[in-house]
């Protein structure tokens, strides 16, 4: 017999990997919520001005349509911890940041959304770096 059977190797995820997985799933829930809110806006379920697709200006029609599709798609990718999930989330976040910070005359200023997306990006990068550092330490 060889020594491998006597001492089985137990693989456990690193703390950073667990934290990153939880973080991505929390962001996925928020993405799903944002996607539903954009769909509510598109179908006109909410009674308010410009809250129906046919009453929206063209720039809102384009942005709301795109985000209504991409946010739930990002939520699915983030929830499954797929590599493409953060990429799709980044497209949504960049679009909203451009909308609310770059074109406030068209979409209004919503700095809370811009700062939230920036905060999520910073936490994501920090967790990715922590996972990288922990894997490097474990390899030694």
N, C-alpha and C. Protein backbone atom coordinates (compact mmCIF):
# COMPACT_ATOMS: atom_id res chain seq x y z
N UNK A 1 0.84 -1.19 0.00
CA UNK A 1 0.00 0.00 0.00
C UNK A 1 0.87 1.24 0.00
N UNK A 2 0.31 2.27 -0.56
CA UNK A 2 1.03 3.54 -0.53
C UNK A 2 0.51 4.40 0.61
N UNK A 3 1.19 5.48 0.90
CA UNK A 3 0.84 6.35 2.02
C UNK A 3 -0.37 7.24 1.77
N UNK A 4 -0.87 7.29 0.54
CA UNK A 4 -1.99 8.17 0.22
C UNK A 4 -3.30 7.68 0.84
N UNK A 5 -3.51 6.40 0.92
CA UNK A 5 -4.76 5.87 1.46
C UNK A 5 -4.84 6.07 2.97
N UNK A 6 -3.72 6.09 3.63
CA UNK A 6 -3.72 6.25 5.09
C UNK A 6 -4.04 7.67 5.52
N UNK A 7 -3.69 8.64 4.70
CA UNK A 7 -3.91 10.05 5.03
C UNK A 7 -4.67 10.73 3.90
N UNK A 8 -6.00 10.67 3.94
CA UNK A 8 -6.76 11.32 2.87
C UNK A 8 -6.61 12.83 2.93
N UNK A 9 -6.59 13.42 1.77
CA UNK A 9 -6.48 14.87 1.67
C UNK A 9 -7.88 15.48 1.75
N UNK A 10 -8.05 16.42 2.65
CA UNK A 10 -9.33 17.11 2.79
C UNK A 10 -9.17 18.51 2.20
N UNK A 11 -9.96 18.77 1.19
CA UNK A 11 -9.92 20.08 0.55
C UNK A 11 -11.03 20.95 1.11
N UNK A 12 -10.66 22.08 1.64
CA UNK A 12 -11.64 23.04 2.16
C UNK A 12 -11.43 24.38 1.48
N UNK A 13 -12.52 25.08 1.23
CA UNK A 13 -12.35 26.41 0.63
C UNK A 13 -11.69 27.37 1.63
N UNK A 14 -10.93 28.28 1.10
CA UNK A 14 -10.29 29.30 1.94
C UNK A 14 -11.34 30.29 2.43
N UNK A 15 -11.03 30.97 3.51
CA UNK A 15 -11.95 31.95 4.08
C UNK A 15 -12.30 33.04 3.06
N UNK A 16 -11.32 33.47 2.30
CA UNK A 16 -11.57 34.49 1.27
C UNK A 16 -12.51 34.00 0.19
N UNK A 17 -12.40 32.72 -0.17
CA UNK A 17 -13.29 32.16 -1.18
C UNK A 17 -14.72 32.09 -0.68
N UNK A 18 -14.89 31.73 0.59
CA UNK A 18 -16.23 31.68 1.17
C UNK A 18 -16.82 33.09 1.24
N UNK A 19 -16.01 34.05 1.67
CA UNK A 19 -16.49 35.44 1.75
C UNK A 19 -16.85 35.97 0.37
N UNK A 20 -16.04 35.65 -0.63
CA UNK A 20 -16.32 36.10 -1.99
C UNK A 20 -17.61 35.47 -2.51
N UNK A 21 -17.81 34.20 -2.22
CA UNK A 21 -19.04 33.53 -2.68
C UNK A 21 -20.28 34.17 -2.04
N UNK A 22 -20.22 34.44 -0.74
CA UNK A 22 -21.35 35.09 -0.08
C UNK A 22 -21.58 36.49 -0.63
N UNK A 23 -20.50 37.22 -0.83
CA UNK A 23 -20.61 38.58 -1.36
C UNK A 23 -21.24 38.57 -2.75
N UNK A 24 -20.79 37.65 -3.61
CA UNK A 24 -21.33 37.59 -4.97
C UNK A 24 -22.82 37.22 -4.94
N UNK A 25 -23.22 36.39 -4.01
CA UNK A 25 -24.64 36.03 -3.94
C UNK A 25 -25.49 37.16 -3.38
N UNK A 26 -24.94 37.94 -2.48
CA UNK A 26 -25.67 39.12 -2.00
C UNK A 26 -25.83 40.14 -3.13
N UNK A 27 -24.78 40.35 -3.90
CA UNK A 27 -24.86 41.26 -5.05
C UNK A 27 -25.83 40.70 -6.08
N UNK A 28 -25.88 39.39 -6.23
CA UNK A 28 -26.82 38.77 -7.16
C UNK A 28 -28.26 39.08 -6.76
N UNK A 29 -28.55 39.05 -5.47
CA UNK A 29 -29.90 39.37 -5.01
C UNK A 29 -30.25 40.82 -5.35
N UNK A 30 -29.30 41.72 -5.15
CA UNK A 30 -29.55 43.12 -5.50
C UNK A 30 -29.70 43.30 -7.01
N UNK A 31 -28.94 42.57 -7.79
CA UNK A 31 -29.08 42.66 -9.25
C UNK A 31 -30.45 42.17 -9.69
N UNK A 32 -30.93 41.11 -9.07
CA UNK A 32 -32.26 40.62 -9.40
C UNK A 32 -33.32 41.66 -9.04
N UNK A 33 -33.15 42.32 -7.89
CA UNK A 33 -34.07 43.37 -7.48
C UNK A 33 -34.05 44.52 -8.48
N UNK A 34 -32.86 44.96 -8.89
CA UNK A 34 -32.76 46.05 -9.86
C UNK A 34 -33.38 45.65 -11.19
N UNK A 35 -33.16 44.40 -11.60
CA UNK A 35 -33.76 43.92 -12.84
C UNK A 35 -35.28 43.95 -12.78
N UNK A 36 -35.83 43.52 -11.65
CA UNK A 36 -37.29 43.55 -11.48
C UNK A 36 -37.79 44.99 -11.50
N UNK A 37 -37.06 45.90 -10.87
CA UNK A 37 -37.48 47.30 -10.87
C UNK A 37 -37.46 47.90 -12.28
N UNK A 38 -36.48 47.53 -13.08
CA UNK A 38 -36.47 48.01 -14.46
C UNK A 38 -37.62 47.39 -15.25
N UNK A 39 -37.95 46.13 -15.00
CA UNK A 39 -39.09 45.52 -15.68
C UNK A 39 -40.40 46.18 -15.27
N UNK A 40 -40.51 46.52 -13.99
CA UNK A 40 -41.70 47.24 -13.51
C UNK A 40 -41.84 48.56 -14.26
N UNK A 41 -40.72 49.22 -14.46
CA UNK A 41 -40.74 50.48 -15.19
C UNK A 41 -41.15 50.26 -16.65
N UNK A 42 -40.66 49.21 -17.26
CA UNK A 42 -40.96 48.97 -18.67
C UNK A 42 -42.42 48.61 -18.92
N UNK A 43 -42.99 47.80 -18.04
CA UNK A 43 -44.37 47.35 -18.30
C UNK A 43 -45.41 48.33 -17.77
N UNK A 44 -44.97 49.35 -17.06
CA UNK A 44 -45.89 50.39 -16.61
C UNK A 44 -46.73 49.98 -15.42
N UNK A 45 -46.23 49.07 -14.60
CA UNK A 45 -46.97 48.59 -13.43
C UNK A 45 -47.10 49.67 -12.36
N UNK A 46 -46.10 50.52 -12.27
CA UNK A 46 -46.07 51.57 -11.26
C UNK A 46 -46.74 52.82 -11.83
N UNK A 47 -47.71 53.40 -11.13
CA UNK A 47 -48.38 54.60 -11.66
C UNK A 47 -47.55 55.86 -11.40
N UNK A 48 -46.87 56.32 -12.39
CA UNK A 48 -46.07 57.53 -12.24
C UNK A 48 -45.73 58.08 -13.61
N UNK A 49 -45.22 59.30 -13.65
CA UNK A 49 -44.84 59.89 -14.94
C UNK A 49 -43.63 59.16 -15.51
N UNK A 50 -43.66 58.91 -16.78
CA UNK A 50 -42.58 58.24 -17.52
C UNK A 50 -42.30 56.83 -17.01
N UNK A 51 -43.29 56.19 -16.40
CA UNK A 51 -43.10 54.85 -15.89
C UNK A 51 -43.77 53.82 -16.79
N UNK A 52 -43.84 54.12 -18.05
CA UNK A 52 -44.35 53.18 -19.03
C UNK A 52 -43.51 53.31 -20.28
N UNK A 53 -43.22 52.21 -20.92
CA UNK A 53 -42.28 52.21 -22.04
C UNK A 53 -42.68 53.17 -23.14
N UNK A 54 -43.95 53.20 -23.50
CA UNK A 54 -44.35 54.06 -24.61
C UNK A 54 -44.36 55.54 -24.25
N UNK A 55 -44.31 55.88 -22.97
CA UNK A 55 -44.26 57.28 -22.56
C UNK A 55 -42.84 57.77 -22.26
N UNK A 56 -41.88 56.85 -22.23
CA UNK A 56 -40.50 57.22 -21.91
C UNK A 56 -39.83 57.89 -23.10
N UNK A 57 -38.89 58.80 -22.82
CA UNK A 57 -38.04 59.31 -23.90
C UNK A 57 -37.17 58.17 -24.44
N UNK A 58 -36.64 58.34 -25.62
CA UNK A 58 -35.87 57.28 -26.28
C UNK A 58 -34.66 56.87 -25.45
N UNK A 59 -33.95 57.83 -24.83
CA UNK A 59 -32.77 57.47 -24.06
C UNK A 59 -33.14 56.58 -22.88
N UNK A 60 -34.29 56.81 -22.26
CA UNK A 60 -34.73 55.94 -21.17
C UNK A 60 -35.19 54.59 -21.70
N UNK A 61 -35.80 54.55 -22.87
CA UNK A 61 -36.22 53.28 -23.45
C UNK A 61 -35.01 52.37 -23.70
N UNK A 62 -33.96 52.94 -24.24
CA UNK A 62 -32.75 52.15 -24.53
C UNK A 62 -32.11 51.67 -23.23
N UNK A 63 -31.91 52.57 -22.28
CA UNK A 63 -31.24 52.22 -21.04
C UNK A 63 -32.06 51.22 -20.22
N UNK A 64 -33.34 51.47 -20.07
CA UNK A 64 -34.18 50.59 -19.26
C UNK A 64 -34.30 49.21 -19.90
N UNK A 65 -34.41 49.14 -21.20
CA UNK A 65 -34.50 47.85 -21.89
C UNK A 65 -33.23 47.03 -21.69
N UNK A 66 -32.10 47.68 -21.87
CA UNK A 66 -30.83 46.99 -21.72
C UNK A 66 -30.63 46.50 -20.29
N UNK A 67 -30.89 47.37 -19.32
CA UNK A 67 -30.67 47.00 -17.92
C UNK A 67 -31.69 45.98 -17.42
N UNK A 68 -32.90 46.02 -17.97
CA UNK A 68 -33.91 45.04 -17.56
C UNK A 68 -33.50 43.62 -17.98
N UNK A 69 -32.74 43.51 -19.04
CA UNK A 69 -32.26 42.20 -19.49
C UNK A 69 -30.96 41.83 -18.80
N UNK A 70 -30.03 42.77 -18.70
CA UNK A 70 -28.70 42.46 -18.18
C UNK A 70 -28.65 42.25 -16.67
N UNK A 71 -29.44 42.98 -15.89
CA UNK A 71 -29.38 42.80 -14.44
C UNK A 71 -29.79 41.39 -14.01
N UNK A 72 -30.91 40.82 -14.50
CA UNK A 72 -31.21 39.43 -14.11
C UNK A 72 -30.17 38.43 -14.64
N UNK A 73 -29.61 38.70 -15.80
CA UNK A 73 -28.56 37.85 -16.36
C UNK A 73 -27.32 37.90 -15.46
N UNK A 74 -26.95 39.09 -15.00
CA UNK A 74 -25.83 39.24 -14.06
C UNK A 74 -26.14 38.53 -12.75
N UNK A 75 -27.38 38.63 -12.29
CA UNK A 75 -27.77 37.96 -11.05
C UNK A 75 -27.58 36.45 -11.16
N UNK A 76 -27.96 35.89 -12.29
CA UNK A 76 -27.79 34.44 -12.48
C UNK A 76 -26.31 34.06 -12.47
N UNK A 77 -25.50 34.83 -13.16
CA UNK A 77 -24.07 34.55 -13.21
C UNK A 77 -23.39 34.70 -11.86
N UNK A 78 -23.77 35.73 -11.12
CA UNK A 78 -23.19 35.94 -9.80
C UNK A 78 -23.64 34.85 -8.83
N UNK A 79 -24.91 34.45 -8.90
CA UNK A 79 -25.41 33.44 -7.98
C UNK A 79 -24.72 32.09 -8.23
N UNK A 80 -24.48 31.77 -9.49
CA UNK A 80 -23.82 30.51 -9.82
C UNK A 80 -22.31 30.59 -9.65
N UNK A 81 -21.79 31.75 -9.27
CA UNK A 81 -20.36 31.99 -9.12
C UNK A 81 -19.61 31.76 -10.43
N UNK A 82 -20.30 32.04 -11.53
CA UNK A 82 -19.69 31.89 -12.86
C UNK A 82 -18.73 33.05 -13.11
N UNK A 83 -17.74 32.80 -13.94
CA UNK A 83 -16.74 33.84 -14.21
C UNK A 83 -17.32 35.00 -14.99
N UNK A 84 -18.39 34.77 -15.73
CA UNK A 84 -18.98 35.84 -16.53
C UNK A 84 -19.95 36.71 -15.72
N UNK A 85 -20.34 36.29 -14.53
CA UNK A 85 -21.27 37.06 -13.70
C UNK A 85 -20.75 38.45 -13.35
N UNK A 86 -19.53 38.55 -12.81
CA UNK A 86 -19.00 39.89 -12.52
C UNK A 86 -18.81 40.76 -13.76
N UNK A 87 -18.56 40.14 -14.89
CA UNK A 87 -18.39 40.91 -16.13
C UNK A 87 -19.71 41.56 -16.53
N UNK A 88 -20.80 40.80 -16.47
CA UNK A 88 -22.11 41.35 -16.81
C UNK A 88 -22.52 42.39 -15.77
N UNK A 89 -22.22 42.13 -14.49
CA UNK A 89 -22.52 43.13 -13.46
C UNK A 89 -21.76 44.42 -13.77
N UNK A 90 -20.49 44.31 -14.18
CA UNK A 90 -19.70 45.49 -14.49
C UNK A 90 -20.34 46.28 -15.63
N UNK A 91 -20.87 45.60 -16.64
CA UNK A 91 -21.55 46.31 -17.72
C UNK A 91 -22.76 47.09 -17.20
N UNK A 92 -23.52 46.46 -16.31
CA UNK A 92 -24.68 47.14 -15.72
C UNK A 92 -24.24 48.34 -14.87
N UNK A 93 -23.23 48.12 -14.04
CA UNK A 93 -22.76 49.19 -13.16
C UNK A 93 -22.17 50.35 -13.96
N UNK A 94 -21.39 50.03 -14.97
CA UNK A 94 -20.80 51.09 -15.80
C UNK A 94 -21.90 51.86 -16.53
N UNK A 95 -22.91 51.15 -17.01
CA UNK A 95 -24.01 51.82 -17.70
C UNK A 95 -24.73 52.78 -16.76
N UNK A 96 -25.04 52.32 -15.53
CA UNK A 96 -25.74 53.20 -14.59
C UNK A 96 -24.85 54.35 -14.14
N UNK A 97 -23.57 54.11 -13.99
CA UNK A 97 -22.67 55.21 -13.61
C UNK A 97 -22.60 56.26 -14.71
N UNK A 98 -22.55 55.82 -15.95
CA UNK A 98 -22.55 56.78 -17.07
C UNK A 98 -23.88 57.52 -17.12
N UNK A 99 -24.97 56.79 -16.89
CA UNK A 99 -26.29 57.42 -16.91
C UNK A 99 -26.40 58.51 -15.86
N UNK A 100 -26.08 58.17 -14.62
CA UNK A 100 -26.37 59.06 -13.50
C UNK A 100 -25.25 60.05 -13.18
N UNK A 101 -24.01 59.72 -13.51
CA UNK A 101 -22.91 60.66 -13.25
C UNK A 101 -22.47 61.38 -14.51
N UNK A 102 -22.53 60.69 -15.66
CA UNK A 102 -22.05 61.30 -16.90
C UNK A 102 -23.12 62.05 -17.67
N UNK A 103 -24.37 61.63 -17.54
CA UNK A 103 -25.46 62.27 -18.28
C UNK A 103 -26.60 62.66 -17.34
N UNK A 104 -26.32 63.47 -16.33
CA UNK A 104 -27.38 63.80 -15.37
C UNK A 104 -28.49 64.65 -15.97
N UNK A 105 -28.21 65.36 -17.06
CA UNK A 105 -29.25 66.18 -17.68
C UNK A 105 -30.32 65.30 -18.34
N UNK A 106 -29.99 64.05 -18.66
CA UNK A 106 -30.95 63.13 -19.27
C UNK A 106 -31.59 62.19 -18.25
N UNK A 107 -30.78 61.68 -17.32
CA UNK A 107 -31.25 60.64 -16.41
C UNK A 107 -31.39 61.10 -14.95
N UNK A 108 -30.93 62.27 -14.64
CA UNK A 108 -30.95 62.75 -13.26
C UNK A 108 -29.68 62.33 -12.54
N UNK A 109 -29.46 62.94 -11.39
CA UNK A 109 -28.29 62.60 -10.59
C UNK A 109 -28.71 61.68 -9.45
N UNK A 110 -28.15 60.49 -9.46
CA UNK A 110 -28.38 59.53 -8.38
C UNK A 110 -27.01 59.08 -7.88
N UNK A 111 -26.41 59.92 -7.07
CA UNK A 111 -25.06 59.63 -6.59
C UNK A 111 -25.02 58.40 -5.70
N UNK A 112 -26.12 58.10 -5.03
CA UNK A 112 -26.12 56.92 -4.17
C UNK A 112 -25.91 55.65 -4.99
N UNK A 113 -26.50 55.59 -6.17
CA UNK A 113 -26.32 54.42 -7.03
C UNK A 113 -24.88 54.35 -7.52
N UNK A 114 -24.32 55.47 -7.92
CA UNK A 114 -22.94 55.51 -8.41
C UNK A 114 -21.98 55.09 -7.30
N UNK A 115 -22.15 55.63 -6.10
CA UNK A 115 -21.26 55.28 -4.99
C UNK A 115 -21.44 53.83 -4.57
N UNK A 116 -22.64 53.32 -4.65
CA UNK A 116 -22.88 51.92 -4.31
C UNK A 116 -22.15 51.00 -5.29
N UNK A 117 -22.25 51.30 -6.58
CA UNK A 117 -21.54 50.49 -7.57
C UNK A 117 -20.03 50.57 -7.36
N UNK A 118 -19.52 51.75 -7.06
CA UNK A 118 -18.08 51.89 -6.80
C UNK A 118 -17.67 51.11 -5.55
N UNK A 119 -18.51 51.16 -4.52
CA UNK A 119 -18.22 50.40 -3.29
C UNK A 119 -18.23 48.90 -3.53
N UNK A 120 -19.19 48.43 -4.29
CA UNK A 120 -19.25 47.00 -4.62
C UNK A 120 -18.01 46.59 -5.40
N UNK A 121 -17.59 47.40 -6.34
CA UNK A 121 -16.40 47.09 -7.14
C UNK A 121 -15.15 47.04 -6.25
N UNK A 122 -15.03 47.97 -5.31
CA UNK A 122 -13.87 47.99 -4.42
C UNK A 122 -13.85 46.75 -3.53
N UNK A 123 -14.99 46.39 -2.97
CA UNK A 123 -15.06 45.20 -2.11
C UNK A 123 -14.75 43.95 -2.93
N UNK A 124 -15.27 43.87 -4.15
CA UNK A 124 -15.01 42.71 -5.01
C UNK A 124 -13.52 42.57 -5.29
N UNK A 125 -12.87 43.66 -5.66
CA UNK A 125 -11.43 43.62 -5.95
C UNK A 125 -10.65 43.24 -4.69
N UNK A 126 -11.05 43.78 -3.54
CA UNK A 126 -10.36 43.45 -2.29
C UNK A 126 -10.51 41.97 -1.96
N UNK A 127 -11.69 41.42 -2.15
CA UNK A 127 -11.89 40.00 -1.88
C UNK A 127 -11.12 39.13 -2.87
N UNK A 128 -11.08 39.53 -4.12
CA UNK A 128 -10.30 38.79 -5.12
C UNK A 128 -8.81 38.79 -4.75
N UNK A 129 -8.32 39.95 -4.32
CA UNK A 129 -6.91 40.03 -3.90
C UNK A 129 -6.66 39.19 -2.66
N UNK A 130 -7.60 39.16 -1.73
CA UNK A 130 -7.47 38.33 -0.53
C UNK A 130 -7.42 36.85 -0.90
N UNK A 131 -8.26 36.43 -1.82
CA UNK A 131 -8.24 35.03 -2.26
C UNK A 131 -6.91 34.71 -2.92
N UNK A 132 -6.43 35.61 -3.77
CA UNK A 132 -5.14 35.40 -4.43
C UNK A 132 -4.02 35.29 -3.40
N UNK A 133 -4.03 36.17 -2.41
CA UNK A 133 -2.99 36.16 -1.37
C UNK A 133 -3.08 34.88 -0.53
N UNK A 134 -4.29 34.44 -0.19
CA UNK A 134 -4.45 33.23 0.59
C UNK A 134 -4.00 31.99 -0.19
N UNK A 135 -4.29 31.95 -1.48
CA UNK A 135 -3.84 30.81 -2.29
C UNK A 135 -2.31 30.79 -2.39
N UNK A 136 -1.74 31.97 -2.49
CA UNK A 136 -0.29 32.07 -2.55
C UNK A 136 0.33 31.59 -1.24
N UNK A 137 -0.28 31.97 -0.12
CA UNK A 137 0.21 31.52 1.19
C UNK A 137 0.04 30.01 1.36
N UNK A 138 -1.08 29.47 0.89
CA UNK A 138 -1.33 28.04 1.03
C UNK A 138 -0.39 27.21 0.17
N UNK A 139 0.04 27.78 -0.94
CA UNK A 139 0.96 27.05 -1.83
C UNK A 139 2.34 26.92 -1.22
N UNK A 140 2.69 27.79 -0.31
CA UNK A 140 4.02 27.74 0.31
C UNK A 140 4.09 26.69 1.32
